[in-house]
Amino acid sequence: MLTQQTYRCLLAAMSRPGTVRSLPGQAARDPLLWIARTLLDQEVGCAIVGDSNGAIATLLASATRCRVCSVEDADFVIALNGQIGNEILKVRTGNAEYPDEGATIIYSIEAIDP
């Protein structure tokens, strides 16, 4: 149920760029975990940028069963603390005909003022 509510919140936010949305319930207390649980599964690869000791990658892989991989191979790239630097140049891109071939970048930040 919470995953479904989180998905609806993410969909609303992505369909209205620039609009700030608050995640529902417990998801608001642990947003990265719930966003990952909502979007990742055993069929996708995920890269974590800024996870120096691999703890976040281990946690998310355990919670979602996603495959942890390099930025180049990732379907989802999570930038911790909004820091991605030159790694963004390695992210897969789609094209007009196949936009789904590109990776989704998730910027994890501390807070945003609505």
PDB file of N, CA and C in Angstrom:
ATOM      1  N   MET A   1       0.818  -1.188   0.000  1.00  0.00           N
ATOM      2  CA  MET A   1       0.000   0.000   0.000  1.00  0.00           C
ATOM      3  C   MET A   1       0.869   1.263   0.000  1.00  0.00           C
ATOM      4  N   LEU A   2       1.885   1.313   0.881  1.00  0.00           N
ATOM      5  CA  LEU A   2       2.749   2.485   0.935  1.00  0.00           C
ATOM      6  C   LEU A   2       3.564   2.617  -0.348  1.00  0.00           C
ATOM      7  N   THR A   3       3.982   1.492  -0.917  1.00  0.00           N
ATOM      8  CA  THR A   3       4.709   1.536  -2.185  1.00  0.00           C
ATOM      9  C   THR A   3       3.829   2.127  -3.275  1.00  0.00           C
ATOM     10  N   GLN A   4       2.573   1.749  -3.298  1.00  0.00           N
ATOM     11  CA  GLN A   4       1.631   2.281  -4.283  1.00  0.00           C
ATOM     12  C   GLN A   4       1.420   3.784  -4.093  1.00  0.00           C
ATOM     13  N   GLN A   5       1.290   4.229  -2.855  1.00  0.00           N
ATOM     14  CA  GLN A   5       1.132   5.659  -2.571  1.00  0.00           C
ATOM     15  C   GLN A   5       2.398   6.428  -2.953  1.00  0.00           C
ATOM     16  N   THR A   6       3.544   5.834  -2.688  1.00  0.00           N
ATOM     17  CA  THR A   6       4.812   6.460  -3.062  1.00  0.00           C
ATOM     18  C   THR A   6       4.908   6.576  -4.575  1.00  0.00           C
ATOM     19  N   TYR A   7       4.509   5.528  -5.287  1.00  0.00           N
ATOM     20  CA  TYR A   7       4.531   5.558  -6.749  1.00  0.00           C
ATOM     21  C   TYR A   7       3.643   6.682  -7.282  1.00  0.00           C
ATOM     22  N   ARG A   8       2.457   6.806  -6.742  1.00  0.00           N
ATOM     23  CA  ARG A   8       1.544   7.867  -7.188  1.00  0.00           C
ATOM     24  C   ARG A   8       2.137   9.247  -6.930  1.00  0.00           C
ATOM     25  N   CYS A   9       2.794   9.404  -5.800  1.00  0.00           N
ATOM     26  CA  CYS A   9       3.438  10.673  -5.467  1.00  0.00           C
ATOM     27  C   CYS A   9       4.573  10.976  -6.452  1.00  0.00           C
ATOM     28  N   LEU A  10       5.399   9.979  -6.752  1.00  0.00           N
ATOM     29  CA  LEU A  10       6.491  10.157  -7.710  1.00  0.00           C
ATOM     30  C   LEU A  10       5.961  10.481  -9.098  1.00  0.00           C
ATOM     31  N   LEU A  11       4.915   9.788  -9.508  1.00  0.00           N
ATOM     32  CA  LEU A  11       4.312  10.030 -10.813  1.00  0.00           C
ATOM     33  C   LEU A  11       3.774  11.455 -10.909  1.00  0.00           C
ATOM     34  N   ALA A  12       3.105  11.910  -9.857  1.00  0.00           N
ATOM     35  CA  ALA A  12       2.581  13.279  -9.836  1.00  0.00           C
ATOM     36  C   ALA A  12       3.718  14.297  -9.906  1.00  0.00           C
ATOM     37  N   ALA A  13       4.801  14.039  -9.190  1.00  0.00           N
ATOM     38  CA  ALA A  13       5.942  14.961  -9.196  1.00  0.00           C
ATOM     39  C   ALA A  13       6.618  14.999 -10.564  1.00  0.00           C
ATOM     40  N   MET A  14       6.783  13.839 -11.198  1.00  0.00           N
ATOM     41  CA  MET A  14       7.442  13.800 -12.504  1.00  0.00           C
ATOM     42  C   MET A  14       6.562  14.376 -13.609  1.00  0.00           C
ATOM     43  N   SER A  15       5.263  14.302 -13.443  1.00  0.00           N
ATOM     44  CA  SER A  15       4.374  14.838 -14.476  1.00  0.00           C
ATOM     45  C   SER A  15       4.187  16.345 -14.344  1.00  0.00           C
ATOM     46  N   ARG A  16       4.636  16.902 -13.223  1.00  0.00           N
ATOM     47  CA  ARG A  16       4.558  18.348 -13.012  1.00  0.00           C
ATOM     48  C   ARG A  16       5.917  18.843 -12.527  1.00  0.00           C
ATOM     49  N   PRO A  17       6.893  18.940 -13.445  1.00  0.00           N
ATOM     50  CA  PRO A  17       8.244  19.367 -13.051  1.00  0.00           C
ATOM     51  C   PRO A  17       8.218  20.699 -12.299  1.00  0.00           C
ATOM     52  N   GLY A  18       9.018  20.777 -11.267  1.00  0.00           N
ATOM     53  CA  GLY A  18       9.093  21.994 -10.470  1.00  0.00           C
ATOM     54  C   GLY A  18       8.136  22.023  -9.300  1.00  0.00           C
ATOM     55  N   THR A  19       7.211  21.058  -9.261  1.00  0.00           N
ATOM     56  CA  THR A  19       6.258  20.981  -8.160  1.00  0.00           C
ATOM     57  C   THR A  19       6.848  20.108  -7.055  1.00  0.00           C
ATOM     58  N   VAL A  20       6.863  20.632  -5.841  1.00  0.00           N
ATOM     59  CA  VAL A  20       7.385  19.875  -4.702  1.00  0.00           C
ATOM     60  C   VAL A  20       6.264  19.017  -4.127  1.00  0.00           C
ATOM     61  N   ARG A  21       6.545  17.745  -3.936  1.00  0.00           N
ATOM     62  CA  ARG A  21       5.588  16.801  -3.353  1.00  0.00           C
ATOM     63  C   ARG A  21       6.195  16.192  -2.098  1.00  0.00           C
ATOM     64  N   SER A  22       5.366  15.882  -1.136  1.00  0.00           N
ATOM     65  CA  SER A  22       5.815  15.198   0.076  1.00  0.00           C
ATOM     66  C   SER A  22       5.438  13.730  -0.020  1.00  0.00           C
ATOM     67  N   LEU A  23       6.394  12.867   0.295  1.00  0.00           N
ATOM     68  CA  LEU A  23       6.105  11.440   0.285  1.00  0.00           C
ATOM     69  C   LEU A  23       5.159  11.105   1.431  1.00  0.00           C
ATOM     70  N   PRO A  24       4.323  10.093   1.232  1.00  0.00           N
ATOM     71  CA  PRO A  24       3.324   9.748   2.247  1.00  0.00           C
ATOM     72  C   PRO A  24       3.895   8.963   3.425  1.00  0.00           C
ATOM     73  N   GLY A  25       3.320   9.154   4.587  1.00  0.00           N
ATOM     74  CA  GLY A  25       3.572   8.332   5.774  1.00  0.00           C
ATOM     75  C   GLY A  25       5.017   8.028   6.067  1.00  0.00           C
ATOM     76  N   GLN A  26       5.298   6.751   6.297  1.00  0.00           N
ATOM     77  CA  GLN A  26       6.637   6.287   6.655  1.00  0.00           C
ATOM     78  C   GLN A  26       7.650   6.579   5.552  1.00  0.00           C
ATOM     79  N   ALA A  27       7.212   6.663   4.316  1.00  0.00           N
ATOM     80  CA  ALA A  27       8.117   6.945   3.204  1.00  0.00           C
ATOM     81  C   ALA A  27       8.798   8.298   3.385  1.00  0.00           C
ATOM     82  N   ALA A  28       8.127   9.239   4.034  1.00  0.00           N
ATOM     83  CA  ALA A  28       8.706  10.558   4.277  1.00  0.00           C
ATOM     84  C   ALA A  28       9.857  10.482   5.281  1.00  0.00           C
ATOM     85  N   ARG A  29       9.854   9.476   6.145  1.00  0.00           N
ATOM     86  CA  ARG A  29      10.913   9.332   7.146  1.00  0.00           C
ATOM     87  C   ARG A  29      12.148   8.618   6.592  1.00  0.00           C
ATOM     88  N   ASP A  30      11.983   7.841   5.554  1.00  0.00           N
ATOM     89  CA  ASP A  30      13.102   7.126   4.936  1.00  0.00           C
ATOM     90  C   ASP A  30      12.920   7.158   3.416  1.00  0.00           C
ATOM     91  N   PRO A  31      13.008   8.351   2.832  1.00  0.00           N
ATOM     92  CA  PRO A  31      12.618   8.521   1.425  1.00  0.00           C
ATOM     93  C   PRO A  31      13.431   7.716   0.420  1.00  0.00           C
ATOM     94  N   LEU A  32      14.740   7.654   0.577  1.00  0.00           N
ATOM     95  CA  LEU A  32      15.544   6.927  -0.402  1.00  0.00           C
ATOM     96  C   LEU A  32      15.167   5.452  -0.445  1.00  0.00           C
ATOM     97  N   LEU A  33      14.980   4.861   0.711  1.00  0.00           N
ATOM     98  CA  LEU A  33      14.600   3.448   0.765  1.00  0.00           C
ATOM     99  C   LEU A  33      13.251   3.215   0.091  1.00  0.00           C
ATOM    100  N   TRP A  34      12.275   4.071   0.365  1.00  0.00           N
ATOM    101  CA  TRP A  34      10.940   3.862  -0.203  1.00  0.00           C
ATOM    102  C   TRP A  34      10.884   4.185  -1.689  1.00  0.00           C
ATOM    103  N   ILE A  35      11.644   5.158  -2.134  1.00  0.00           N
ATOM    104  CA  ILE A  35      11.712   5.415  -3.577  1.00  0.00           C
ATOM    105  C   ILE A  35      12.348   4.210  -4.263  1.00  0.00           C
ATOM    106  N   ALA A  36      13.407   3.677  -3.671  1.00  0.00           N
ATOM    107  CA  ALA A  36      14.050   2.485  -4.235  1.00  0.00           C
ATOM    108  C   ALA A  36      13.097   1.298  -4.239  1.00  0.00           C
ATOM    109  N   ARG A  37      12.395   1.068  -3.139  1.00  0.00           N
ATOM    110  CA  ARG A  37      11.435  -0.048  -3.087  1.00  0.00           C
ATOM    111  C   ARG A  37      10.335   0.106  -4.128  1.00  0.00           C
ATOM    112  N   THR A  38      10.027   1.328  -4.461  1.00  0.00           N
ATOM    113  CA  THR A  38       8.968   1.595  -5.429  1.00  0.00           C
ATOM    114  C   THR A  38       9.438   1.394  -6.866  1.00  0.00           C
ATOM    115  N   LEU A  39      10.666   1.785  -7.172  1.00  0.00           N
ATOM    116  CA  LEU A  39      11.131   1.786  -8.557  1.00  0.00           C
ATOM    117  C   LEU A  39      12.047   0.628  -8.942  1.00  0.00           C
ATOM    118  N   LEU A  40      12.731   0.045  -7.988  1.00  0.00           N
ATOM    119  CA  LEU A  40      13.730  -0.983  -8.301  1.00  0.00           C
ATOM    120  C   LEU A  40      13.209  -2.383  -8.014  1.00  0.00           C
ATOM    121  N   ASP A  41      13.684  -3.337  -8.806  1.00  0.00           N
ATOM    122  CA  ASP A  41      13.388  -4.745  -8.557  1.00  0.00           C
ATOM    123  C   ASP A  41      14.507  -5.586  -9.144  1.00  0.00           C
ATOM    124  N   GLN A  42      14.330  -6.897  -9.158  1.00  0.00           N
ATOM    125  CA  GLN A  42      15.381  -7.806  -9.608  1.00  0.00           C
ATOM    126  C   GLN A  42      15.690  -7.700 -11.096  1.00  0.00           C
ATOM    127  N   GLU A  43      14.892  -6.971 -11.844  1.00  0.00           N
ATOM    128  CA  GLU A  43      15.115  -6.863 -13.285  1.00  0.00           C
ATOM    129  C   GLU A  43      15.935  -5.649 -13.688  1.00  0.00           C
ATOM    130  N   VAL A  44      16.285  -4.774 -12.742  1.00  0.00           N
ATOM    131  CA  VAL A  44      17.007  -3.553 -13.093  1.00  0.00           C
ATOM    132  C   VAL A  44      18.353  -3.481 -12.394  1.00  0.00           C
ATOM    133  N   GLY A  45      19.242  -2.715 -13.017  1.00  0.00           N
ATOM    134  CA  GLY A  45      20.543  -2.448 -12.423  1.00  0.00           C
ATOM    135  C   GLY A  45      20.556  -1.047 -11.843  1.00  0.00           C
ATOM    136  N   CYS A  46      21.267  -0.887 -10.748  1.00  0.00           N
ATOM    137  CA  CYS A  46      21.324   0.396 -10.062  1.00  0.00           C
ATOM    138  C   CYS A  46      22.765   0.710  -9.675  1.00  0.00           C
ATOM    139  N   ALA A  47      23.164   1.950  -9.904  1.00  0.00           N
ATOM    140  CA  ALA A  47      24.476   2.427  -9.470  1.00  0.00           C
ATOM    141  C   ALA A  47      24.265   3.503  -8.418  1.00  0.00           C
ATOM    142  N   ILE A  48      25.110   3.500  -7.408  1.00  0.00           N
ATOM    143  CA  ILE A  48      25.036   4.493  -6.345  1.00  0.00           C
ATOM    144  C   ILE A  48      26.300   5.344  -6.425  1.00  0.00           C
ATOM    145  N   VAL A  49      26.132   6.647  -6.664  1.00  0.00           N
ATOM    146  CA  VAL A  49      27.262   7.570  -6.724  1.00  0.00           C
ATOM    147  C   VAL A  49      27.372   8.263  -5.366  1.00  0.00           C
ATOM    148  N   GLY A  50      28.559   8.242  -4.779  1.00  0.00           N
ATOM    149  CA  GLY A  50      28.770   8.885  -3.487  1.00  0.00           C
ATOM    150  C   GLY A  50      28.651   7.941  -2.306  1.00  0.00           C
ATOM    151  N   ASP A  51      28.583   6.650  -2.577  1.00  0.00           N
ATOM    152  CA  ASP A  51      28.469   5.629  -1.525  1.00  0.00           C
ATOM    153  C   ASP A  51      29.856   5.024  -1.318  1.00  0.00           C
ATOM    154  N   SER A  52      30.711   5.738  -0.600  1.00  0.00           N
ATOM    155  CA  SER A  52      32.124   5.371  -0.509  1.00  0.00           C
ATOM    156  C   SER A  52      32.380   3.980   0.072  1.00  0.00           C
ATOM    157  N   ASN A  53      31.576   3.553   1.026  1.00  0.00           N
ATOM    158  CA  ASN A  53      31.827   2.234   1.619  1.00  0.00           C
ATOM    159  C   ASN A  53      30.858   1.152   1.143  1.00  0.00           C
ATOM    160  N   GLY A  54      29.941   1.497   0.250  1.00  0.00           N
ATOM    161  CA  GLY A  54      29.021   0.512  -0.308  1.00  0.00           C
ATOM    162  C   GLY A  54      27.849   0.143   0.576  1.00  0.00           C
ATOM    163  N   ALA A  55      27.691   0.811   1.701  1.00  0.00           N
ATOM    164  CA  ALA A  55      26.615   0.463   2.642  1.00  0.00           C
ATOM    165  C   ALA A  55      25.226   0.710   2.056  1.00  0.00           C
ATOM    166  N   ILE A  56      25.055   1.812   1.355  1.00  0.00           N
ATOM    167  CA  ILE A  56      23.746   2.128   0.764  1.00  0.00           C
ATOM    168  C   ILE A  56      23.429   1.129  -0.343  1.00  0.00           C
ATOM    169  N   ALA A  57      24.414   0.816  -1.172  1.00  0.00           N
ATOM    170  CA  ALA A  57      24.206  -0.163  -2.244  1.00  0.00           C
ATOM    171  C   ALA A  57      23.783  -1.508  -1.669  1.00  0.00           C
ATOM    172  N   THR A  58      24.424  -1.930  -0.601  1.00  0.00           N
ATOM    173  CA  THR A  58      24.076  -3.199   0.042  1.00  0.00           C
ATOM    174  C   THR A  58      22.653  -3.167   0.579  1.00  0.00           C
ATOM    175  N   LEU A  59      22.295  -2.074   1.252  1.00  0.00           N
ATOM    176  CA  LEU A  59      20.946  -1.929   1.803  1.00  0.00           C
ATOM    177  C   LEU A  59      19.888  -1.967   0.704  1.00  0.00           C
ATOM    178  N   LEU A  60      20.099  -1.184  -0.363  1.00  0.00           N
ATOM    179  CA  LEU A  60      19.098  -1.122  -1.432  1.00  0.00           C
ATOM    180  C   LEU A  60      19.003  -2.435  -2.200  1.00  0.00           C
ATOM    181  N   ALA A  61      20.129  -3.088  -2.425  1.00  0.00           N
ATOM    182  CA  ALA A  61      20.103  -4.384  -3.112  1.00  0.00           C
ATOM    183  C   ALA A  61      19.346  -5.414  -2.282  1.00  0.00           C
ATOM    184  N   SER A  62      19.537  -5.380  -0.983  1.00  0.00           N
ATOM    185  CA  SER A  62      18.831  -6.304  -0.099  1.00  0.00           C
ATOM    186  C   SER A  62      17.330  -6.013  -0.064  1.00  0.00           C
ATOM    187  N   ALA A  63      16.974  -4.740  -0.030  1.00  0.00           N
ATOM    188  CA  ALA A  63      15.562  -4.348   0.071  1.00  0.00           C
ATOM    189  C   ALA A  63      14.795  -4.528  -1.233  1.00  0.00           C
ATOM    190  N   THR A  64      15.498  -4.439  -2.369  1.00  0.00           N
ATOM    191  CA  THR A  64      14.795  -4.443  -3.660  1.00  0.00           C
ATOM    192  C   THR A  64      15.166  -5.613  -4.563  1.00  0.00           C
ATOM    193  N   ARG A  65      16.262  -6.299  -4.249  1.00  0.00           N
ATOM    194  CA  ARG A  65      16.812  -7.384  -5.064  1.00  0.00           C
ATOM    195  C   ARG A  65      17.351  -6.887  -6.402  1.00  0.00           C
ATOM    196  N   CYS A  66      17.605  -5.564  -6.500  1.00  0.00           N
ATOM    197  CA  CYS A  66      18.164  -5.028  -7.739  1.00  0.00           C
ATOM    198  C   CYS A  66      19.629  -5.440  -7.854  1.00  0.00           C
ATOM    199  N   ARG A  67      20.128  -5.345  -9.053  1.00  0.00           N
ATOM    200  CA  ARG A  67      21.526  -5.663  -9.346  1.00  0.00           C
ATOM    201  C   ARG A  67      22.334  -4.370  -9.197  1.00  0.00           C
ATOM    202  N   VAL A  68      23.366  -4.377  -8.373  1.00  0.00           N
ATOM    203  CA  VAL A  68      24.246  -3.215  -8.233  1.00  0.00           C
ATOM    204  C   VAL A  68      25.274  -3.298  -9.352  1.00  0.00           C
ATOM    205  N   CYS A  69      25.437  -2.208 -10.095  1.00  0.00           N
ATOM    206  CA  CYS A  69      26.316  -2.233 -11.260  1.00  0.00           C
ATOM    207  C   CYS A  69      26.997  -0.879 -11.446  1.00  0.00           C
ATOM    208  N   SER A  70      27.748  -0.753 -12.521  1.00  0.00           N
ATOM    209  CA  SER A  70      28.434   0.503 -12.828  1.00  0.00           C
ATOM    210  C   SER A  70      27.433   1.526 -13.359  1.00  0.00           C
ATOM    211  N   VAL A  71      27.836   2.783 -13.341  1.00  0.00           N
ATOM    212  CA  VAL A  71      26.988   3.862 -13.858  1.00  0.00           C
ATOM    213  C   VAL A  71      26.646   3.605 -15.326  1.00  0.00           C
ATOM    214  N   GLU A  72      27.611   3.127 -16.092  1.00  0.00           N
ATOM    215  CA  GLU A  72      27.396   2.883 -17.522  1.00  0.00           C
ATOM    216  C   GLU A  72      26.317   1.842 -17.790  1.00  0.00           C
ATOM    217  N   ASP A  73      26.192   0.863 -16.918  1.00  0.00           N
ATOM    218  CA  ASP A  73      25.250  -0.239 -17.122  1.00  0.00           C
ATOM    219  C   ASP A  73      23.931  -0.071 -16.382  1.00  0.00           C
ATOM    220  N   ALA A  74      23.807   0.967 -15.585  1.00  0.00           N
ATOM    221  CA  ALA A  74      22.656   1.121 -14.692  1.00  0.00           C
ATOM    222  C   ALA A  74      21.390   1.591 -15.402  1.00  0.00           C
ATOM    223  N   ASP A  75      20.271   1.049 -14.960  1.00  0.00           N
ATOM    224  CA  ASP A  75      18.959   1.548 -15.373  1.00  0.00           C
ATOM    225  C   ASP A  75      18.568   2.739 -14.498  1.00  0.00           C
ATOM    226  N   PHE A  76      19.033   2.710 -13.251  1.00  0.00           N
ATOM    227  CA  PHE A  76      18.805   3.791 -12.293  1.00  0.00           C
ATOM    228  C   PHE A  76      20.143   4.174 -11.681  1.00  0.00           C
ATOM    229  N   VAL A  77      20.394   5.469 -11.600  1.00  0.00           N
ATOM    230  CA  VAL A  77      21.598   5.987 -10.957  1.00  0.00           C
ATOM    231  C   VAL A  77      21.135   6.859  -9.800  1.00  0.00           C
ATOM    232  N   ILE A  78      21.593   6.532  -8.600  1.00  0.00           N
ATOM    233  CA  ILE A  78      21.233   7.316  -7.422  1.00  0.00           C
ATOM    234  C   ILE A  78      22.444   8.136  -7.017  1.00  0.00           C
ATOM    235  N   ALA A  79      22.269   9.457  -7.017  1.00  0.00           N
ATOM    236  CA  ALA A  79      23.332  10.380  -6.625  1.00  0.00           C
ATOM    237  C   ALA A  79      23.081  10.813  -5.189  1.00  0.00           C
ATOM    238  N   LEU A  80      23.879  10.309  -4.268  1.00  0.00           N
ATOM    239  CA  LEU A  80      23.713  10.658  -2.860  1.00  0.00           C
ATOM    240  C   LEU A  80      24.138  12.102  -2.636  1.00  0.00           C
ATOM    241  N   ASN A  81      23.385  12.814  -1.838  1.00  0.00           N
ATOM    242  CA  ASN A  81      23.635  14.223  -1.537  1.00  0.00           C
ATOM    243  C   ASN A  81      23.681  15.080  -2.799  1.00  0.00           C
ATOM    244  N   GLY A  82      23.013  14.629  -3.852  1.00  0.00           N
ATOM    245  CA  GLY A  82      22.936  15.394  -5.094  1.00  0.00           C
ATOM    246  C   GLY A  82      24.261  15.534  -5.813  1.00  0.00           C
ATOM    247  N   GLN A  83      25.238  14.715  -5.464  1.00  0.00           N
ATOM    248  CA  GLN A  83      26.564  14.831  -6.065  1.00  0.00           C
ATOM    249  C   GLN A  83      26.769  13.733  -7.092  1.00  0.00           C
ATOM    250  N   ILE A  84      26.910  14.152  -8.346  1.00  0.00           N
ATOM    251  CA  ILE A  84      27.159  13.153  -9.387  1.00  0.00           C
ATOM    252  C   ILE A  84      28.401  13.498 -10.196  1.00  0.00           C
ATOM    253  N   GLY A  85      28.784  14.769 -10.244  1.00  0.00           N
ATOM    254  CA  GLY A  85      30.010  15.188 -10.924  1.00  0.00           C
ATOM    255  C   GLY A  85      30.098  14.679 -12.349  1.00  0.00           C
ATOM    256  N   ASN A  86      31.284  14.244 -12.736  1.00  0.00           N
ATOM    257  CA  ASN A  86      31.518  13.764 -14.103  1.00  0.00           C
ATOM    258  C   ASN A  86      30.884  12.409 -14.381  1.00  0.00           C
ATOM    259  N   GLU A  87      30.416  11.736 -13.342  1.00  0.00           N
ATOM    260  CA  GLU A  87      29.746  10.448 -13.537  1.00  0.00           C
ATOM    261  C   GLU A  87      28.520  10.602 -14.434  1.00  0.00           C
ATOM    262  N   ILE A  88      27.934  11.793 -14.447  1.00  0.00           N
ATOM    263  CA  ILE A  88      26.743  12.014 -15.270  1.00  0.00           C
ATOM    264  C   ILE A  88      27.044  11.803 -16.753  1.00  0.00           C
ATOM    265  N   LEU A  89      28.289  12.002 -17.136  1.00  0.00           N
ATOM    266  CA  LEU A  89      28.679  11.814 -18.535  1.00  0.00           C
ATOM    267  C   LEU A  89      28.676  10.342 -18.943  1.00  0.00           C
ATOM    268  N   LYS A  90      28.680   9.443 -17.956  1.00  0.00           N
ATOM    269  CA  LYS A  90      28.710   8.003 -18.227  1.00  0.00           C
ATOM    270  C   LYS A  90      27.321   7.366 -18.260  1.00  0.00           C
ATOM    271  N   VAL A  91      26.308   8.117 -17.846  1.00  0.00           N
ATOM    272  CA  VAL A  91      24.947   7.580 -17.745  1.00  0.00           C
ATOM    273  C   VAL A  91      24.392   7.295 -19.138  1.00  0.00           C
ATOM    274  N   ARG A  92      23.750   6.146 -19.281  1.00  0.00           N
ATOM    275  CA  ARG A  92      23.112   5.782 -20.558  1.00  0.00           C
ATOM    276  C   ARG A  92      22.038   6.794 -20.926  1.00  0.00           C
ATOM    277  N   THR A  93      21.978   7.139 -22.189  1.00  0.00           N
ATOM    278  CA  THR A  93      20.928   8.042 -22.660  1.00  0.00           C
ATOM    279  C   THR A  93      20.048   7.312 -23.661  1.00  0.00           C
ATOM    280  N   GLY A  94      18.803   7.694 -23.696  1.00  0.00           N
ATOM    281  CA  GLY A  94      17.885   7.169 -24.694  1.00  0.00           C
ATOM    282  C   GLY A  94      17.902   8.095 -25.898  1.00  0.00           C
ATOM    283  N   ASN A  95      16.927   7.920 -26.762  1.00  0.00           N
ATOM    284  CA  ASN A  95      16.778   8.823 -27.903  1.00  0.00           C
ATOM    285  C   ASN A  95      15.287   9.062 -28.123  1.00  0.00           C
ATOM    286  N   ALA A  96      14.961   9.858 -29.120  1.00  0.00           N
ATOM    287  CA  ALA A  96      13.556  10.201 -29.355  1.00  0.00           C
ATOM    288  C   ALA A  96      12.702   8.963 -29.611  1.00  0.00           C
ATOM    289  N   GLU A  97      13.254   7.990 -30.298  1.00  0.00           N
ATOM    290  CA  GLU A  97      12.498   6.783 -30.618  1.00  0.00           C
ATOM    291  C   GLU A  97      12.424   5.808 -29.435  1.00  0.00           C
ATOM    292  N   TYR A  98      13.508   5.724 -28.665  1.00  0.00           N
ATOM    293  CA  TYR A  98      13.566   4.795 -27.535  1.00  0.00           C
ATOM    294  C   TYR A  98      14.059   5.503 -26.271  1.00  0.00           C
ATOM    295  N   PRO A  99      13.249   6.373 -25.692  1.00  0.00           N
ATOM    296  CA  PRO A  99      13.686   7.077 -24.480  1.00  0.00           C
ATOM    297  C   PRO A  99      13.888   6.135 -23.294  1.00  0.00           C
ATOM    298  N   ASP A 100      13.230   4.990 -23.332  1.00  0.00           N
ATOM    299  CA  ASP A 100      13.343   4.023 -22.236  1.00  0.00           C
ATOM    300  C   ASP A 100      14.719   3.359 -22.164  1.00  0.00           C
ATOM    301  N   GLU A 101      15.546   3.546 -23.174  1.00  0.00           N
ATOM    302  CA  GLU A 101      16.895   2.988 -23.146  1.00  0.00           C
ATOM    303  C   GLU A 101      17.839   3.814 -22.276  1.00  0.00           C
ATOM    304  N   GLY A 102      17.401   4.998 -21.879  1.00  0.00           N
ATOM    305  CA  GLY A 102      18.207   5.848 -21.008  1.00  0.00           C
ATOM    306  C   GLY A 102      17.984   5.494 -19.550  1.00  0.00           C
ATOM    307  N   ALA A 103      18.947   5.838 -18.732  1.00  0.00           N
ATOM    308  CA  ALA A 103      18.844   5.595 -17.290  1.00  0.00           C
ATOM    309  C   ALA A 103      18.069   6.728 -16.623  1.00  0.00           C
ATOM    310  N   THR A 104      17.498   6.436 -15.481  1.00  0.00           N
ATOM    311  CA  THR A 104      16.832   7.429 -14.647  1.00  0.00           C
ATOM    312  C   THR A 104      17.795   7.822 -13.539  1.00  0.00           C
ATOM    313  N   ILE A 105      17.994   9.121 -13.353  1.00  0.00           N
ATOM    314  CA  ILE A 105      18.865   9.606 -12.285  1.00  0.00           C
ATOM    315  C   ILE A 105      17.999  10.073 -11.130  1.00  0.00           C
ATOM    316  N   ILE A 106      18.314   9.602  -9.942  1.00  0.00           N
ATOM    317  CA  ILE A 106      17.612  10.006  -8.725  1.00  0.00           C
ATOM    318  C   ILE A 106      18.611  10.782  -7.874  1.00  0.00           C
ATOM    319  N   TYR A 107      18.314  12.053  -7.650  1.00  0.00           N
ATOM    320  CA  TYR A 107      19.171  12.888  -6.806  1.00  0.00           C
ATOM    321  C   TYR A 107      18.652  12.839  -5.383  1.00  0.00           C
ATOM    322  N   SER A 108      19.442  12.325  -4.487  1.00  0.00           N
ATOM    323  CA  SER A 108      19.091  12.287  -3.072  1.00  0.00           C
ATOM    324  C   SER A 108      19.673  13.538  -2.421  1.00  0.00           C
ATOM    325  N   ILE A 109      18.792  14.383  -1.883  1.00  0.00           N
ATOM    326  CA  ILE A 109      19.238  15.613  -1.230  1.00  0.00           C
ATOM    327  C   ILE A 109      18.663  15.672   0.177  1.00  0.00           C
ATOM    328  N   GLU A 110      19.249  16.506   1.016  1.00  0.00           N
ATOM    329  CA  GLU A 110      18.818  16.607   2.413  1.00  0.00           C
ATOM    330  C   GLU A 110      17.423  17.204   2.532  1.00  0.00           C
ATOM    331  N   ALA A 111      17.173  18.309   1.841  1.00  0.00           N
ATOM    332  CA  ALA A 111      15.870  18.983   1.938  1.00  0.00           C
ATOM    333  C   ALA A 111      15.713  19.957   0.784  1.00  0.00           C
ATOM    334  N   ILE A 112      14.478  20.375   0.563  1.00  0.00           N
ATOM    335  CA  ILE A 112      14.176  21.386  -0.442  1.00  0.00           C
ATOM    336  C   ILE A 112      13.072  22.269   0.117  1.00  0.00           C
ATOM    337  N   ASP A 113      13.187  23.540  -0.124  1.00  0.00           N
ATOM    338  CA  ASP A 113      12.145  24.460   0.332  1.00  0.00           C
ATOM    339  C   ASP A 113      11.039  24.510  -0.706  1.00  0.00           C
ATOM    340  N   PRO A 114       9.803  24.234  -0.300  1.00  0.00           N
ATOM    341  CA  PRO A 114       8.688  24.258  -1.260  1.00  0.00           C
ATOM    342  C   PRO A 114       8.388  25.656  -1.766  1.00  0.00           C
TER     343      PRO A 114
END
